């Protein structure tokens, strides 16, 4: 006597997640550039992408303009924004993401050593402690 098993399954339906408003936390570092590169497919599908720098110095926004030009060349609807440093970079980013109603935050993960971030705190740790939106991290 022989038995045969037949497995029947319906076709799976997969729909990509699309983020409409994306905030990119930009500090001009290699790790931040990697995060943007990794997230480029999602950025290209977004309706708006805000490249945000945090700080009080006039020169803080300069690298963001260069990134915006690069993203626009890749078909991304990007703009640069500068936000004031509040209590911390993480707090400033979290408040901004909430204020603009973003769906996704793209940022580098752990820019400093994890020990330093643990002792002094860090933007990554702050965002992940209380995420208001989806967070795309790269390192």
Protein backbone atom coordinates (compact mmCIF):
# COMPACT_ATOMS: atom_id res chain seq x y z
CA UNK A 1 0.00 0.00 0.00
CA UNK A 2 1.41 3.41 -0.90
CA UNK A 3 0.33 6.81 0.24
CA UNK A 4 0.92 10.15 -1.34
CA UNK A 5 0.44 13.47 0.31
CA UNK A 6 -0.75 16.48 -1.59
CA UNK A 7 -0.37 19.89 -0.09
CA UNK A 8 -2.73 22.58 -1.25
CA UNK A 9 -2.16 26.22 -0.56
CA UNK A 10 -3.65 29.38 -1.86
CA UNK A 11 -1.44 31.98 -3.44
CA UNK A 12 0.13 34.32 -0.94
CA UNK A 13 -0.56 37.98 -1.30
CA UNK A 14 2.35 40.19 -0.39
CA UNK A 15 2.00 43.93 -0.50
CA UNK A 16 4.98 46.15 0.24
CA UNK A 17 4.82 48.52 3.14
CA UNK A 18 4.85 52.05 1.83
CA UNK A 19 5.82 54.96 4.00
CA UNK A 20 4.41 58.33 2.97
CA UNK A 21 6.36 60.69 5.23
CA UNK A 22 9.92 59.72 6.05
CA UNK A 23 12.39 61.55 8.27
CA UNK A 24 16.10 60.88 7.75
CA UNK A 25 18.30 61.76 10.73
CA UNK A 26 21.46 63.09 9.06
CA UNK A 27 24.81 63.90 10.62
CA UNK A 28 27.01 63.45 7.55
CA UNK A 29 28.73 60.33 8.91
CA UNK A 30 29.60 57.21 6.96
CA UNK A 31 27.14 55.22 9.05
CA UNK A 32 24.33 57.71 8.33
CA UNK A 33 25.16 57.47 4.61
CA UNK A 34 24.90 53.69 4.85
CA UNK A 35 21.48 53.98 6.50
CA UNK A 36 20.28 56.20 3.65
CA UNK A 37 21.71 53.82 1.05
CA UNK A 38 20.07 50.84 2.72
CA UNK A 39 16.72 52.66 2.91
CA UNK A 40 16.84 54.10 -0.63
CA UNK A 41 14.15 51.75 -2.03
CA UNK A 42 11.73 52.86 0.72
CA UNK A 43 12.72 56.51 0.29
CA UNK A 44 12.01 56.35 -3.44
CA UNK A 45 8.42 55.24 -2.74
CA UNK A 46 7.73 57.89 -0.09
CA UNK A 47 5.68 60.99 -0.88
CA UNK A 48 7.98 63.23 1.17
CA UNK A 49 11.40 62.73 2.71
CA UNK A 50 12.78 65.23 5.21
CA UNK A 51 16.53 65.14 5.74
CA UNK A 52 16.90 66.47 9.27
CA UNK A 53 19.99 67.80 10.98
CA UNK A 54 19.93 68.58 14.68
CA UNK A 55 21.94 71.44 16.12
CA UNK A 56 22.26 75.11 16.84
CA UNK A 57 25.26 75.94 14.64
CA UNK A 58 24.73 77.54 11.19
CA UNK A 59 27.01 74.96 9.53
CA UNK A 60 24.98 72.01 10.84
CA UNK A 61 22.64 71.98 7.82
CA UNK A 62 25.32 72.15 5.09
CA UNK A 63 25.81 68.38 4.65
CA UNK A 64 22.04 67.86 4.43
CA UNK A 65 21.77 70.02 1.30
CA UNK A 66 24.28 67.77 -0.46
CA UNK A 67 22.35 64.65 0.51
CA UNK A 68 19.08 66.20 -0.67
CA UNK A 69 20.62 66.91 -4.11
CA UNK A 70 21.77 63.29 -4.29
CA UNK A 71 18.35 61.94 -3.29
CA UNK A 72 16.55 64.19 -5.79
CA UNK A 73 18.87 62.84 -8.50
CA UNK A 74 17.60 59.36 -7.53
CA UNK A 75 13.98 60.46 -7.89
CA UNK A 76 13.29 61.00 -4.19
CA UNK A 77 11.09 63.95 -3.17
CA UNK A 78 13.49 65.22 -0.50
CA UNK A 79 13.96 68.45 1.39
CA UNK A 80 16.40 69.57 4.09
CA UNK A 81 15.29 70.68 7.53
CA UNK A 82 17.24 71.84 10.54
CA UNK A 83 15.81 71.39 14.01
CA UNK A 84 17.05 72.87 17.26
CA UNK A 85 18.86 70.75 19.79
CA UNK A 86 16.59 70.26 22.78
CA UNK A 87 17.46 68.10 25.76
CA UNK A 88 19.14 65.55 23.50
CA UNK A 89 19.40 64.61 19.83
CA UNK A 90 17.07 61.67 20.45
CA UNK A 91 14.45 63.90 22.08
CA UNK A 92 14.67 66.44 19.25
CA UNK A 93 14.23 63.70 16.63
CA UNK A 94 11.35 62.06 18.48
CA UNK A 95 9.53 65.39 18.86
CA UNK A 96 10.08 66.27 15.19
CA UNK A 97 8.86 62.88 13.94
CA UNK A 98 5.72 63.31 16.03
CA UNK A 99 5.14 66.93 14.91
CA UNK A 100 5.36 66.17 11.18
CA UNK A 101 3.40 62.91 11.39
CA UNK A 102 6.16 60.77 9.90
CA UNK A 103 5.65 57.06 9.21
CA UNK A 104 9.33 56.12 9.29
CA UNK A 105 12.57 57.38 10.83
CA UNK A 106 15.80 56.39 9.07
CA UNK A 107 18.92 56.75 11.20
CA UNK A 108 22.31 55.31 11.96
CA UNK A 109 22.59 52.86 14.80
CA UNK A 110 25.02 53.52 17.62
CA UNK A 111 27.35 56.21 16.32
CA UNK A 112 29.55 55.92 19.39
CA UNK A 113 30.71 52.87 21.28
CA UNK A 114 27.88 51.03 22.97
CA UNK A 115 29.58 51.57 26.33
CA UNK A 116 29.58 55.35 25.81
CA UNK A 117 25.96 55.26 24.63
CA UNK A 118 25.05 53.17 27.68
CA UNK A 119 26.77 55.54 30.11
CA UNK A 120 25.90 58.88 28.49
CA UNK A 121 22.83 57.90 26.52
CA UNK A 122 22.54 58.18 22.78
CA UNK A 123 20.06 59.01 20.04
CA UNK A 124 19.62 55.35 19.06
CA UNK A 125 18.95 54.27 22.62
CA UNK A 126 16.58 57.20 23.19
CA UNK A 127 14.56 56.51 20.03
CA UNK A 128 14.33 52.76 20.65
CA UNK A 129 13.27 53.29 24.28
CA UNK A 130 10.04 54.95 23.10
CA UNK A 131 9.57 54.59 19.32
CA UNK A 132 6.64 56.58 17.96
CA UNK A 133 7.06 55.26 14.41
CA UNK A 134 8.87 52.52 12.53
CA UNK A 135 12.64 52.97 12.75
CA UNK A 136 15.08 51.90 10.02
CA UNK A 137 18.51 51.41 11.59
CA UNK A 138 21.78 50.67 9.83
CA UNK A 139 25.30 50.34 11.10
